[in-house]
PDB file of N, CA and C in Angstrom:
ATOM      1  N   MET A   1     186.001 125.452  58.347  1.00  0.00           N
ATOM      2  CA  MET A   1     185.391 126.512  58.764  1.00  0.00           C
ATOM      3  C   MET A   1     183.659 126.668  57.919  1.00  0.00           C
ATOM      4  N   PRO A   2     182.579 125.810  59.057  1.00  0.00           N
ATOM      5  CA  PRO A   2     181.192 125.703  58.227  1.00  0.00           C
ATOM      6  C   PRO A   2     180.151 126.333  57.834  1.00  0.00           C
ATOM      7  N   SER A   3     180.064 126.387  56.538  1.00  0.00           N
ATOM      8  CA  SER A   3     179.009 127.041  55.867  1.00  0.00           C
ATOM      9  C   SER A   3     177.709 126.724  56.590  1.00  0.00           C
ATOM     10  N   ILE A   4     177.055 128.416  56.437  1.00  0.00           N
ATOM     11  CA  ILE A   4     175.330 128.518  57.427  1.00  0.00           C
ATOM     12  C   ILE A   4     174.592 126.939  57.585  1.00  0.00           C
ATOM     13  N   GLU A   5     174.777 127.331  55.497  1.00  0.00           N
ATOM     14  CA  GLU A   5     174.019 125.594  55.727  1.00  0.00           C
ATOM     15  C   GLU A   5     174.457 124.699  56.110  1.00  0.00           C
ATOM     16  N   ARG A   6     175.049 124.924  56.412  1.00  0.00           N
ATOM     17  CA  ARG A   6     176.210 123.276  57.232  1.00  0.00           C
ATOM     18  C   ARG A   6     175.350 122.926  58.679  1.00  0.00           C
ATOM     19  N   VAL A   7     175.777 124.578  59.287  1.00  0.00           N
ATOM     20  CA  VAL A   7     175.293 124.309  60.650  1.00  0.00           C
ATOM     21  C   VAL A   7     173.554 124.237  60.814  1.00  0.00           C
ATOM     22  N   GLU A   8     172.644 125.037  59.397  1.00  0.00           N
ATOM     23  CA  GLU A   8     171.266 125.171  59.715  1.00  0.00           C
ATOM     24  C   GLU A   8     170.935 123.236  59.277  1.00  0.00           C
ATOM     25  N   ALA A   9     171.649 122.369  59.036  1.00  0.00           N
ATOM     26  CA  ALA A   9     171.209 121.907  58.356  1.00  0.00           C
ATOM     27  C   ALA A   9     171.668 120.435  59.474  1.00  0.00           C
ATOM     28  N   PHE A  10     173.008 120.679  60.312  1.00  0.00           N
ATOM     29  CA  PHE A  10     172.667 119.681  62.158  1.00  0.00           C
ATOM     30  C   PHE A  10     171.986 120.580  62.646  1.00  0.00           C
ATOM     31  N   ILE A  11     171.019 121.765  63.057  1.00  0.00           N
ATOM     32  CA  ILE A  11     170.171 122.192  64.044  1.00  0.00           C
ATOM     33  C   ILE A  11     168.999 121.037  63.526  1.00  0.00           C
ATOM     34  N   ALA A  12     168.562 121.287  61.980  1.00  0.00           N
ATOM     35  CA  ALA A  12     167.122 120.478  61.608  1.00  0.00           C
ATOM     36  C   ALA A  12     167.783 119.358  61.820  1.00  0.00           C
ATOM     37  N   ALA A  13     168.729 118.895  61.449  1.00  0.00           N
ATOM     38  CA  ALA A  13     168.534 116.506  62.305  1.00  0.00           C
ATOM     39  C   ALA A  13     168.527 116.240  63.834  1.00  0.00           C
ATOM     40  N   VAL A  14     169.531 117.867  64.378  1.00  0.00           N
ATOM     41  CA  VAL A  14     168.757 117.122  65.738  1.00  0.00           C
ATOM     42  C   VAL A  14     167.238 117.352  66.216  1.00  0.00           C
ATOM     43  N   GLU A  15     167.507 118.517  65.524  1.00  0.00           N
ATOM     44  CA  GLU A  15     165.438 119.788  66.127  1.00  0.00           C
ATOM     45  C   GLU A  15     164.606 118.314  65.355  1.00  0.00           C
ATOM     46  N   GLY A  16     164.791 117.273  64.389  1.00  0.00           N
ATOM     47  CA  GLY A  16     164.405 116.321  63.769  1.00  0.00           C
ATOM     48  C   GLY A  16     164.197 115.140  64.776  1.00  0.00           C
ATOM     49  N   GLY A  17     165.175 114.666  65.838  1.00  0.00           N
ATOM     50  CA  GLY A  17     164.616 113.867  67.196  1.00  0.00           C
ATOM     51  C   GLY A  17     165.656 112.490  66.752  1.00  0.00           C
ATOM     52  N   ASP A  18     166.543 112.585  65.731  1.00  0.00           N
ATOM     53  CA  ASP A  18     167.588 111.215  65.735  1.00  0.00           C
ATOM     54  C   ASP A  18     168.860 111.847  65.297  1.00  0.00           C
ATOM     55  N   HIS A  19     168.572 111.874  67.642  1.00  0.00           N
ATOM     56  CA  HIS A  19     170.368 112.432  67.776  1.00  0.00           C
ATOM     57  C   HIS A  19     171.559 111.560  67.072  1.00  0.00           C
ATOM     58  N   VAL A  20     170.947 110.552  67.547  1.00  0.00           N
ATOM     59  CA  VAL A  20     172.559 109.761  67.341  1.00  0.00           C
ATOM     60  C   VAL A  20     173.050 109.959  66.808  1.00  0.00           C
ATOM     61  N   LYS A  21     172.307 109.490  64.948  1.00  0.00           N
ATOM     62  CA  LYS A  21     172.490 109.471  63.325  1.00  0.00           C
ATOM     63  C   LYS A  21     172.988 111.589  63.177  1.00  0.00           C
ATOM     64  N   ALA A  22     172.824 112.269  63.889  1.00  0.00           N
ATOM     65  CA  ALA A  22     173.140 113.771  63.990  1.00  0.00           C
ATOM     66  C   ALA A  22     174.413 113.831  64.417  1.00  0.00           C
ATOM     67  N   ILE A  23     175.257 112.144  65.384  1.00  0.00           N
ATOM     68  CA  ILE A  23     176.162 112.931  65.933  1.00  0.00           C
ATOM     69  C   ILE A  23     177.128 111.861  64.676  1.00  0.00           C
ATOM     70  N   GLU A  24     176.338 111.053  63.684  1.00  0.00           N
ATOM     71  CA  GLU A  24     177.353 109.828  62.929  1.00  0.00           C
ATOM     72  C   GLU A  24     177.562 110.996  61.903  1.00  0.00           C
ATOM     73  N   ASP A  25     176.453 112.292  61.555  1.00  0.00           N
ATOM     74  CA  ASP A  25     176.993 112.579  60.455  1.00  0.00           C
ATOM     75  C   ASP A  25     177.148 114.157  60.766  1.00  0.00           C
ATOM     76  N   PHE A  26     177.656 114.549  61.107  1.00  0.00           N
ATOM     77  CA  PHE A  26     177.673 115.705  61.614  1.00  0.00           C
ATOM     78  C   PHE A  26     179.371 116.123  62.448  1.00  0.00           C
ATOM     79  N   TYR A  27     179.598 115.202  63.415  1.00  0.00           N
ATOM     80  CA  TYR A  27     180.888 115.205  63.936  1.00  0.00           C
ATOM     81  C   TYR A  27     182.117 114.452  63.079  1.00  0.00           C
ATOM     82  N   ALA A  28     182.959 114.278  63.806  1.00  0.00           N
ATOM     83  CA  ALA A  28     184.252 114.056  62.971  1.00  0.00           C
ATOM     84  C   ALA A  28     184.611 112.263  63.721  1.00  0.00           C
ATOM     85  N   ALA A  29     185.238 111.614  63.463  1.00  0.00           N
ATOM     86  CA  ALA A  29     185.705 110.509  64.070  1.00  0.00           C
ATOM     87  C   ALA A  29     186.062 110.502  64.828  1.00  0.00           C
ATOM     88  N   ASP A  30     187.122 112.097  65.394  1.00  0.00           N
ATOM     89  CA  ASP A  30     187.100 112.025  66.724  1.00  0.00           C
ATOM     90  C   ASP A  30     187.304 113.267  68.039  1.00  0.00           C
ATOM     91  N   ALA A  31     185.820 113.444  67.126  1.00  0.00           N
ATOM     92  CA  ALA A  31     185.421 114.786  67.787  1.00  0.00           C
ATOM     93  C   ALA A  31     185.468 114.424  69.364  1.00  0.00           C
ATOM     94  N   SER A  32     185.164 115.467  70.383  1.00  0.00           N
ATOM     95  CA  SER A  32     185.126 115.221  71.084  1.00  0.00           C
ATOM     96  C   SER A  32     183.479 115.907  72.314  1.00  0.00           C
ATOM     97  N   MET A  33     183.406 115.474  73.331  1.00  0.00           N
ATOM     98  CA  MET A  33     182.096 116.513  73.983  1.00  0.00           C
ATOM     99  C   MET A  33     182.530 116.883  75.426  1.00  0.00           C
ATOM    100  N   ARG A  34     181.958 117.316  75.679  1.00  0.00           N
ATOM    101  CA  ARG A  34     182.460 117.985  77.283  1.00  0.00           C
ATOM    102  C   ARG A  34     180.823 118.177  78.289  1.00  0.00           C
ATOM    103  N   GLU A  35     181.308 118.204  78.460  1.00  0.00           N
ATOM    104  CA  GLU A  35     179.524 118.921  79.872  1.00  0.00           C
ATOM    105  C   GLU A  35     179.820 119.342  81.013  1.00  0.00           C
ATOM    106  N   ASN A  36     179.444 120.632  81.017  1.00  0.00           N
ATOM    107  CA  ASN A  36     180.208 120.811  82.480  1.00  0.00           C
ATOM    108  C   ASN A  36     181.434 121.065  82.984  1.00  0.00           C
ATOM    109  N   GLN A  37     182.415 121.179  82.082  1.00  0.00           N
ATOM    110  CA  GLN A  37     184.102 120.800  82.821  1.00  0.00           C
ATOM    111  C   GLN A  37     184.126 119.574  82.815  1.00  0.00           C
ATOM    112  N   ALA A  38     183.317 118.369  82.896  1.00  0.00           N
ATOM    113  CA  ALA A  38     183.756 117.841  82.988  1.00  0.00           C
ATOM    114  C   ALA A  38     184.628 116.712  82.448  1.00  0.00           C
ATOM    115  N   GLU A  39     185.236 115.275  81.936  1.00  0.00           N
ATOM    116  CA  GLU A  39     185.962 115.111  81.708  1.00  0.00           C
ATOM    117  C   GLU A  39     185.491 114.632  80.345  1.00  0.00           C
ATOM    118  N   PRO A  40     186.414 114.667  79.405  1.00  0.00           N
ATOM    119  CA  PRO A  40     185.411 114.877  77.659  1.00  0.00           C
ATOM    120  C   PRO A  40     185.456 113.056  77.372  1.00  0.00           C
ATOM    121  N   ARG A  41     184.290 113.203  76.806  1.00  0.00           N
ATOM    122  CA  ARG A  41     183.736 111.841  76.385  1.00  0.00           C
ATOM    123  C   ARG A  41     184.600 112.183  74.405  1.00  0.00           C
ATOM    124  N   ARG A  42     185.471 110.676  74.022  1.00  0.00           N
ATOM    125  CA  ARG A  42     185.899 110.752  73.056  1.00  0.00           C
ATOM    126  C   ARG A  42     185.548 109.956  72.163  1.00  0.00           C
ATOM    127  N   GLY A  43     185.571 110.119  70.257  1.00  0.00           N
ATOM    128  CA  GLY A  43     185.512 109.235  69.398  1.00  0.00           C
ATOM    129  C   GLY A  43     183.910 109.340  69.458  1.00  0.00           C
ATOM    130  N   ARG A  44     183.992 109.399  67.811  1.00  0.00           N
ATOM    131  CA  ARG A  44     182.037 109.370  67.320  1.00  0.00           C
ATOM    132  C   ARG A  44     181.391 107.971  67.849  1.00  0.00           C
ATOM    133  N   GLU A  45     182.236 107.010  68.003  1.00  0.00           N
ATOM    134  CA  GLU A  45     181.575 105.749  68.202  1.00  0.00           C
ATOM    135  C   GLU A  45     180.865 105.864  69.723  1.00  0.00           C
ATOM    136  N   VAL A  46     181.793 106.572  70.204  1.00  0.00           N
ATOM    137  CA  VAL A  46     182.006 106.409  71.939  1.00  0.00           C
ATOM    138  C   VAL A  46     180.993 107.499  72.722  1.00  0.00           C
ATOM    139  N   LEU A  47     180.527 108.471  71.207  1.00  0.00           N
ATOM    140  CA  LEU A  47     179.654 109.472  71.625  1.00  0.00           C
ATOM    141  C   LEU A  47     178.467 108.975  71.680  1.00  0.00           C
ATOM    142  N   MET A  48     178.017 108.564  70.196  1.00  0.00           N
ATOM    143  CA  MET A  48     176.956 107.558  69.803  1.00  0.00           C
ATOM    144  C   MET A  48     176.871 106.601  70.691  1.00  0.00           C
ATOM    145  N   ALA A  49     177.342 106.050  71.622  1.00  0.00           N
ATOM    146  CA  ALA A  49     176.782 104.840  72.022  1.00  0.00           C
ATOM    147  C   ALA A  49     175.971 105.586  73.090  1.00  0.00           C
ATOM    148  N   HIS A  50     176.733 106.656  73.816  1.00  0.00           N
ATOM    149  CA  HIS A  50     176.818 106.998  75.163  1.00  0.00           C
ATOM    150  C   HIS A  50     175.015 107.826  74.770  1.00  0.00           C
ATOM    151  N   GLU A  51     175.041 108.476  73.404  1.00  0.00           N
ATOM    152  CA  GLU A  51     173.679 109.177  72.960  1.00  0.00           C
ATOM    153  C   GLU A  51     172.087 108.344  73.415  1.00  0.00           C
ATOM    154  N   ARG A  52     173.200 107.071  72.173  1.00  0.00           N
ATOM    155  CA  ARG A  52     171.541 106.336  72.424  1.00  0.00           C
ATOM    156  C   ARG A  52     171.357 105.159  73.605  1.00  0.00           C
ATOM    157  N   ALA A  53     172.150 105.442  75.011  1.00  0.00           N
ATOM    158  CA  ALA A  53     172.133 105.240  76.541  1.00  0.00           C
ATOM    159  C   ALA A  53     171.443 106.123  76.875  1.00  0.00           C
ATOM    160  N   VAL A  54     171.515 107.555  76.467  1.00  0.00           N
ATOM    161  CA  VAL A  54     170.097 108.386  76.988  1.00  0.00           C
ATOM    162  C   VAL A  54     169.061 108.102  76.616  1.00  0.00           C
ATOM    163  N   LEU A  55     168.887 107.796  74.956  1.00  0.00           N
ATOM    164  CA  LEU A  55     167.712 107.911  74.848  1.00  0.00           C
ATOM    165  C   LEU A  55     167.027 106.405  75.464  1.00  0.00           C
ATOM    166  N   ASP A  56     167.600 105.662  75.169  1.00  0.00           N
ATOM    167  CA  ASP A  56     166.951 104.633  75.780  1.00  0.00           C
ATOM    168  C   ASP A  56     165.987 104.615  77.348  1.00  0.00           C
ATOM    169  N   ARG A  57     167.149 105.321  78.042  1.00  0.00           N
ATOM    170  CA  ARG A  57     166.003 105.752  79.091  1.00  0.00           C
ATOM    171  C   ARG A  57     164.599 106.576  78.993  1.00  0.00           C
ATOM    172  N   THR A  58     164.911 107.268  78.301  1.00  0.00           N
ATOM    173  CA  THR A  58     163.767 108.159  77.357  1.00  0.00           C
ATOM    174  C   THR A  58     162.202 107.647  76.996  1.00  0.00           C
ATOM    175  N   ALA A  59     160.918 107.979  77.040  1.00  0.00           N
ATOM    176  CA  ALA A  59     160.282 107.914  76.198  1.00  0.00           C
ATOM    177  C   ALA A  59     159.696 108.338  74.293  1.00  0.00           C
ATOM    178  N   ARG A  60     160.694 109.971  75.098  1.00  0.00           N
ATOM    179  CA  ARG A  60     160.047 111.641  74.040  1.00  0.00           C
ATOM    180  C   ARG A  60     161.676 111.943  74.493  1.00  0.00           C
ATOM    181  N   VAL A  61     161.728 112.680  73.598  1.00  0.00           N
ATOM    182  CA  VAL A  61     162.658 114.054  73.701  1.00  0.00           C
ATOM    183  C   VAL A  61     162.329 115.277  72.697  1.00  0.00           C
ATOM    184  N   GLU A  62     161.975 115.861  73.233  1.00  0.00           N
ATOM    185  CA  GLU A  62     161.954 117.083  71.687  1.00  0.00           C
ATOM    186  C   GLU A  62     162.856 118.041  72.412  1.00  0.00           C
ATOM    187  N   THR A  63     163.450 118.063  71.351  1.00  0.00           N
ATOM    188  CA  THR A  63     164.644 119.175  71.274  1.00  0.00           C
ATOM    189  C   THR A  63     164.462 120.745  70.347  1.00  0.00           C
ATOM    190  N   THR A  64     164.446 121.466  70.788  1.00  0.00           N
ATOM    191  CA  THR A  64     164.879 123.102  70.246  1.00  0.00           C
ATOM    192  C   THR A  64     165.860 123.702  70.700  1.00  0.00           C
ATOM    193  N   CYS A  65     166.059 124.394  68.555  1.00  0.00           N
ATOM    194  CA  CYS A  65     167.675 125.047  69.263  1.00  0.00           C
ATOM    195  C   CYS A  65     166.491 126.588  68.917  1.00  0.00           C
ATOM    196  N   VAL A  66     167.096 127.836  70.167  1.00  0.00           N
ATOM    197  CA  VAL A  66     166.500 129.095  70.412  1.00  0.00           C
ATOM    198  C   VAL A  66     167.794 129.638  69.499  1.00  0.00           C
ATOM    199  N   ARG A  67     167.176 131.007  68.226  1.00  0.00           N
ATOM    200  CA  ARG A  67     167.817 131.170  67.748  1.00  0.00           C
ATOM    201  C   ARG A  67     167.895 132.452  68.659  1.00  0.00           C
ATOM    202  N   PRO A  68     169.183 133.265  68.114  1.00  0.00           N
ATOM    203  CA  PRO A  68     169.289 133.389  67.129  1.00  0.00           C
ATOM    204  C   PRO A  68     171.254 132.272  67.698  1.00  0.00           C
ATOM    205  N   VAL A  69     171.849 131.659  66.342  1.00  0.00           N
ATOM    206  CA  VAL A  69     172.576 130.444  66.323  1.00  0.00           C
ATOM    207  C   VAL A  69     174.173 131.860  65.812  1.00  0.00           C
ATOM    208  N   PHE A  70     175.247 131.432  66.799  1.00  0.00           N
ATOM    209  CA  PHE A  70     176.193 132.869  65.926  1.00  0.00           C
ATOM    210  C   PHE A  70     177.832 131.196  65.884  1.00  0.00           C
ATOM    211  N   VAL A  71     177.818 132.164  65.132  1.00  0.00           N
ATOM    212  CA  VAL A  71     178.893 131.801  63.722  1.00  0.00           C
ATOM    213  C   VAL A  71     180.107 132.522  63.635  1.00  0.00           C
ATOM    214  N   GLN A  72     181.288 131.987  64.105  1.00  0.00           N
ATOM    215  CA  GLN A  72     182.516 132.943  63.773  1.00  0.00           C
ATOM    216  C   GLN A  72     183.335 132.172  63.661  1.00  0.00           C
ATOM    217  N   GLY A  73     183.830 131.932  62.323  1.00  0.00           N
ATOM    218  CA  GLY A  73     184.925 131.329  61.569  1.00  0.00           C
ATOM    219  C   GLY A  73     184.578 129.274  61.845  1.00  0.00           C
ATOM    220  N   ASP A  74     185.621 129.069  62.414  1.00  0.00           N
ATOM    221  CA  ASP A  74     185.290 127.639  62.700  1.00  0.00           C
ATOM    222  C   ASP A  74     184.579 126.768  64.423  1.00  0.00           C
ATOM    223  N   HIS A  75     183.631 128.216  64.932  1.00  0.00           N
ATOM    224  CA  HIS A  75     182.744 128.463  66.257  1.00  0.00           C
ATOM    225  C   HIS A  75     181.446 128.706  66.016  1.00  0.00           C
ATOM    226  N   VAL A  76     180.670 128.107  67.027  1.00  0.00           N
ATOM    227  CA  VAL A  76     179.509 128.112  66.808  1.00  0.00           C
ATOM    228  C   VAL A  76     179.029 127.747  67.749  1.00  0.00           C
ATOM    229  N   VAL A  77     178.072 128.684  68.924  1.00  0.00           N
ATOM    230  CA  VAL A  77     177.538 128.504  69.354  1.00  0.00           C
ATOM    231  C   VAL A  77     176.010 128.452  69.596  1.00  0.00           C
ATOM    232  N   ALA A  78     175.285 127.926  70.056  1.00  0.00           N
ATOM    233  CA  ALA A  78     173.553 127.341  69.816  1.00  0.00           C
ATOM    234  C   ALA A  78     173.063 127.245  71.963  1.00  0.00           C
ATOM    235  N   ARG A  79     171.623 127.710  71.515  1.00  0.00           N
ATOM    236  CA  ARG A  79     171.308 127.717  73.292  1.00  0.00           C
ATOM    237  C   ARG A  79     170.119 126.318  72.552  1.00  0.00           C
ATOM    238  N   TRP A  80     170.225 125.325  73.161  1.00  0.00           N
ATOM    239  CA  TRP A  80     168.960 124.172  72.661  1.00  0.00           C
ATOM    240  C   TRP A  80     168.120 124.293  73.914  1.00  0.00           C
ATOM    241  N   VAL A  81     167.078 123.920  73.958  1.00  0.00           N
ATOM    242  CA  VAL A  81     166.568 123.483  75.132  1.00  0.00           C
ATOM    243  C   VAL A  81     165.629 121.961  74.536  1.00  0.00           C
ATOM    244  N   PHE A  82     165.416 121.126  75.288  1.00  0.00           N
ATOM    245  CA  PHE A  82     165.509 119.463  75.050  1.00  0.00           C
ATOM    246  C   PHE A  82     164.334 119.529  76.672  1.00  0.00           C
ATOM    247  N   GLU A  83     163.299 118.595  75.605  1.00  0.00           N
ATOM    248  CA  GLU A  83     161.557 118.938  76.761  1.00  0.00           C
ATOM    249  C   GLU A  83     162.110 116.967  77.078  1.00  0.00           C
ATOM    250  N   PHE A  84     162.684 115.827  77.718  1.00  0.00           N
ATOM    251  CA  PHE A  84     162.679 114.999  78.024  1.00  0.00           C
ATOM    252  C   PHE A  84     161.457 113.994  79.266  1.00  0.00           C
ATOM    253  N   THR A  85     160.498 113.385  78.470  1.00  0.00           N
ATOM    254  CA  THR A  85     159.320 112.612  79.014  1.00  0.00           C
ATOM    255  C   THR A  85     160.046 111.798  79.227  1.00  0.00           C
ATOM    256  N   GLY A  86     160.272 110.658  80.405  1.00  0.00           N
ATOM    257  CA  GLY A  86     160.960 110.013  81.014  1.00  0.00           C
ATOM    258  C   GLY A  86     159.873 108.133  80.946  1.00  0.00           C
ATOM    259  N   ARG A  87     160.483 107.085  80.911  1.00  0.00           N
ATOM    260  CA  ARG A  87     159.566 105.936  80.713  1.00  0.00           C
ATOM    261  C   ARG A  87     158.302 106.271  81.774  1.00  0.00           C
ATOM    262  N   ASP A  88     158.679 106.826  83.154  1.00  0.00           N
ATOM    263  CA  ASP A  88     157.811 106.354  83.902  1.00  0.00           C
ATOM    264  C   ASP A  88     157.168 107.897  84.030  1.00  0.00           C
ATOM    265  N   GLY A  89     157.037 108.770  82.502  1.00  0.00           N
ATOM    266  CA  GLY A  89     156.040 110.431  82.076  1.00  0.00           C
ATOM    267  C   GLY A  89     156.553 111.114  83.287  1.00  0.00           C
ATOM    268  N   ARG A  90     157.264 111.237  83.831  1.00  0.00           N
ATOM    269  CA  ARG A  90     158.035 112.065  83.940  1.00  0.00           C
ATOM    270  C   ARG A  90     158.690 113.137  83.408  1.00  0.00           C
ATOM    271  N   ARG A  91     158.639 114.527  83.537  1.00  0.00           N
ATOM    272  CA  ARG A  91     158.869 115.295  82.217  1.00  0.00           C
ATOM    273  C   ARG A  91     160.256 115.714  83.163  1.00  0.00           C
ATOM    274  N   THR A  92     161.390 116.569  81.986  1.00  0.00           N
ATOM    275  CA  THR A  92     163.001 117.175  82.487  1.00  0.00           C
ATOM    276  C   THR A  92     163.446 118.382  81.692  1.00  0.00           C
ATOM    277  N   ARG A  93     163.019 119.510  81.343  1.00  0.00           N
ATOM    278  CA  ARG A  93     162.942 120.309  80.758  1.00  0.00           C
ATOM    279  C   ARG A  93     164.616 120.572  81.666  1.00  0.00           C
ATOM    280  N   LEU A  94     165.684 121.034  79.896  1.00  0.00           N
ATOM    281  CA  LEU A  94     166.433 120.807  79.875  1.00  0.00           C
ATOM    282  C   LEU A  94     167.591 122.163  79.472  1.00  0.00           C
ATOM    283  N   GLU A  95     167.735 123.010  80.058  1.00  0.00           N
ATOM    284  CA  GLU A  95     168.320 124.737  78.491  1.00  0.00           C
ATOM    285  C   GLU A  95     169.713 124.553  78.611  1.00  0.00           C
ATOM    286  N   GLU A  96     170.436 124.668  77.621  1.00  0.00           N
ATOM    287  CA  GLU A  96     171.660 124.639  77.613  1.00  0.00           C
ATOM    288  C   GLU A  96     172.154 125.486  76.782  1.00  0.00           C
ATOM    289  N   LEU A  97     173.915 126.435  77.023  1.00  0.00           N
ATOM    290  CA  LEU A  97     174.232 126.471  75.519  1.00  0.00           C
ATOM    291  C   LEU A  97     175.721 125.292  75.222  1.00  0.00           C
ATOM    292  N   ALA A  98     175.748 125.292  73.720  1.00  0.00           N
ATOM    293  CA  ALA A  98     176.424 124.657  73.769  1.00  0.00           C
ATOM    294  C   ALA A  98     177.754 125.046  72.399  1.00  0.00           C
ATOM    295  N   TRP A  99     179.096 124.731  72.917  1.00  0.00           N
ATOM    296  CA  TRP A  99     179.817 126.285  72.216  1.00  0.00           C
ATOM    297  C   TRP A  99     180.660 124.935  71.080  1.00  0.00           C
ATOM    298  N   GLN A 100     180.815 124.656  70.023  1.00  0.00           N
ATOM    299  CA  GLN A 100     181.253 123.814  69.240  1.00  0.00           C
ATOM    300  C   GLN A 100     182.859 124.681  68.086  1.00  0.00           C
ATOM    301  N   ARG A 101     183.252 123.701  67.854  1.00  0.00           N
ATOM    302  CA  ARG A 101     185.016 123.650  67.373  1.00  0.00           C
ATOM    303  C   ARG A 101     184.652 122.868  65.897  1.00  0.00           C
ATOM    304  N   TRP A 102     184.451 123.517  65.145  1.00  0.00           N
ATOM    305  CA  TRP A 102     184.318 122.952  63.760  1.00  0.00           C
ATOM    306  C   TRP A 102     185.806 122.927  63.029  1.00  0.00           C
ATOM    307  N   GLU A 103     185.853 121.533  62.043  1.00  0.00           N
ATOM    308  CA  GLU A 103     187.113 121.734  61.480  1.00  0.00           C
ATOM    309  C   GLU A 103     186.102 121.592  59.791  1.00  0.00           C
ATOM    310  N   GLY A 104     186.082 122.365  59.280  1.00  0.00           N
ATOM    311  CA  GLY A 104     185.835 121.945  57.848  1.00  0.00           C
ATOM    312  C   GLY A 104     184.213 121.552  58.353  1.00  0.00           C
ATOM    313  N   ASP A 105     183.561 121.370  58.137  1.00  0.00           N
ATOM    314  CA  ASP A 105     181.776 120.763  57.627  1.00  0.00           C
ATOM    315  C   ASP A 105     181.756 119.677  58.825  1.00  0.00           C
ATOM    316  N   ARG A 106     182.545 119.955  59.470  1.00  0.00           N
ATOM    317  CA  ARG A 106     182.639 118.227  60.577  1.00  0.00           C
ATOM    318  C   ARG A 106     182.273 119.071  62.580  1.00  0.00           C
ATOM    319  N   ILE A 107     181.916 118.917  63.501  1.00  0.00           N
ATOM    320  CA  ILE A 107     182.339 119.228  65.009  1.00  0.00           C
ATOM    321  C   ILE A 107     183.291 118.922  64.823  1.00  0.00           C
ATOM    322  N   ALA A 108     184.610 118.980  65.198  1.00  0.00           N
ATOM    323  CA  ALA A 108     185.592 118.582  66.241  1.00  0.00           C
ATOM    324  C   ALA A 108     185.455 118.522  67.861  1.00  0.00           C
ATOM    325  N   GLN A 109     184.654 119.125  68.808  1.00  0.00           N
ATOM    326  CA  GLN A 109     184.812 119.674  69.943  1.00  0.00           C
ATOM    327  C   GLN A 109     183.477 119.793  70.226  1.00  0.00           C
ATOM    328  N   GLU A 110     183.086 119.547  71.624  1.00  0.00           N
ATOM    329  CA  GLU A 110     181.517 120.474  71.830  1.00  0.00           C
ATOM    330  C   GLU A 110     181.579 120.802  73.243  1.00  0.00           C
ATOM    331  N   GLU A 111     181.573 121.211  74.037  1.00  0.00           N
ATOM    332  CA  GLU A 111     181.193 121.909  74.935  1.00  0.00           C
ATOM    333  C   GLU A 111     179.258 121.920  74.988  1.00  0.00           C
ATOM    334  N   PHE A 112     179.480 121.530  76.537  1.00  0.00           N
ATOM    335  CA  PHE A 112     177.575 121.997  77.199  1.00  0.00           C
ATOM    336  C   PHE A 112     178.023 122.931  78.169  1.00  0.00           C
ATOM    337  N   PHE A 113     177.377 123.241  78.701  1.00  0.00           N
ATOM    338  CA  PHE A 113     177.151 124.482  79.589  1.00  0.00           C
ATOM    339  C   PHE A 113     175.630 124.640  80.452  1.00  0.00           C
ATOM    340  N   TYR A 114     175.771 124.222  80.859  1.00  0.00           N
ATOM    341  CA  TYR A 114     173.724 124.045  82.043  1.00  0.00           C
ATOM    342  C   TYR A 114     174.080 124.019  83.321  1.00  0.00           C
ATOM    343  N   ASP A 115     172.597 124.316  84.434  1.00  0.00           N
ATOM    344  CA  ASP A 115     172.819 124.550  85.598  1.00  0.00           C
ATOM    345  C   ASP A 115     172.327 122.971  85.795  1.00  0.00           C
ATOM    346  N   PRO A 116     173.401 122.503  86.519  1.00  0.00           N
ATOM    347  CA  PRO A 116     172.504 120.216  86.846  1.00  0.00           C
ATOM    348  C   PRO A 116     171.183 120.705  87.187  1.00  0.00           C
ATOM    349  N   ALA A 117     170.940 121.448  88.007  1.00  0.00           N
ATOM    350  CA  ALA A 117     169.237 121.070  89.550  1.00  0.00           C
ATOM    351  C   ALA A 117     168.685 120.967  87.480  1.00  0.00           C
ATOM    352  N   GLN A 118     168.660 121.516  86.548  1.00  0.00           N
ATOM    353  CA  GLN A 118     167.878 121.609  85.725  1.00  0.00           C
ATOM    354  C   GLN A 118     167.222 119.810  85.530  1.00  0.00           C
ATOM    355  N   MET A 119     168.455 119.138  86.256  1.00  0.00           N
ATOM    356  CA  MET A 119     168.524 117.292  85.120  1.00  0.00           C
ATOM    357  C   MET A 119     167.212 116.510  86.761  1.00  0.00           C
ATOM    358  N   ARG A 120     167.063 117.533  87.182  1.00  0.00           N
ATOM    359  CA  ARG A 120     165.931 116.823  88.273  1.00  0.00           C
ATOM    360  C   ARG A 120     164.544 116.467  87.508  1.00  0.00           C
ATOM    361  N   PRO A 121     163.915 115.604  87.786  1.00  0.00           N
ATOM    362  CA  PRO A 121     162.608 115.088  86.893  1.00  0.00           C
ATOM    363  C   PRO A 121     161.586 116.032  87.400  1.00  0.00           C
ATOM    364  N   GLY A 122     160.508 116.423  86.378  1.00  0.00           N
ATOM    365  CA  GLY A 122     159.104 117.295  86.926  1.00  0.00           C
ATOM    366  C   GLY A 122     158.601 116.184  87.546  1.00  0.00           C
ATOM    367  N   PRO A 123     157.089 116.321  86.935  1.00  0.00           N
ATOM    368  CA  PRO A 123     155.994 115.590  87.954  1.00  0.00           C
ATOM    369  C   PRO A 123     155.664 115.035  85.589  1.00  0.00           C
ATOM    370  N   ALA A 124     154.906 113.987  86.579  1.00  0.00           N
ATOM    371  CA  ALA A 124     154.551 113.088  85.367  1.00  0.00           C
ATOM    372  C   ALA A 124     153.591 113.827  84.212  1.00  0.00           C
ATOM    373  N   ALA A 125     153.461 112.911  83.241  1.00  0.00           N
ATOM    374  CA  ALA A 125     153.120 114.327  82.062  1.00  0.00           C
ATOM    375  C   ALA A 125     151.414 113.696  81.798  1.00  0.00           C
ATOM    376  N   PRO A 126     150.253 114.792  82.228  1.00  0.00           N
ATOM    377  CA  PRO A 126     149.166 114.337  82.363  1.00  0.00           C
ATOM    378  C   PRO A 126     148.867 112.838  81.226  1.00  0.00           C
ATOM    379  N   THR A 127     148.246 112.246  81.312  1.00  0.00           N
ATOM    380  CA  THR A 127     147.090 110.671  80.301  1.00  0.00           C
ATOM    381  C   THR A 127     145.253 111.580  80.344  1.00  0.00           C
ATOM    382  N   LEU A 128     145.707 111.257  78.724  1.00  0.00           N
ATOM    383  CA  LEU A 128     144.764 111.619  78.580  1.00  0.00           C
ATOM    384  C   LEU A 128     143.994 110.151  78.466  1.00  0.00           C
ATOM    385  N   SER A 129     142.138 110.258  79.315  1.00  0.00           N
ATOM    386  CA  SER A 129     141.814 109.469  79.308  1.00  0.00           C
ATOM    387  C   SER A 129     140.575 108.841  77.990  1.00  0.00           C
TER     388      SER A 129
END
């Protein structure tokens, strides 16, 4: 069961923007991630590689955890908002719920729930002259 402090440290790491390091520091070696009932990705190294690939396609990601975060025993539910800016300047806002099962102080299983229609990029960010 994670302590509230450990959950808060995880949230701070993700909001700090180093998503790959957060996976390295907070996920179990055999952790799995699953999006919208899709086939899960398994293994911390696989999760880190996938996250790197997503980030490589973006110029910037701003991440916010919307409070409250729910912690019940080994389970945590958090609401996240991701603001992606693509290399082409187009923006995408993704809001999701993440359900996690922790083993001790590491995330063993995580499932994301979101509306895939959010994945369509919006207009380009304004440029400053």
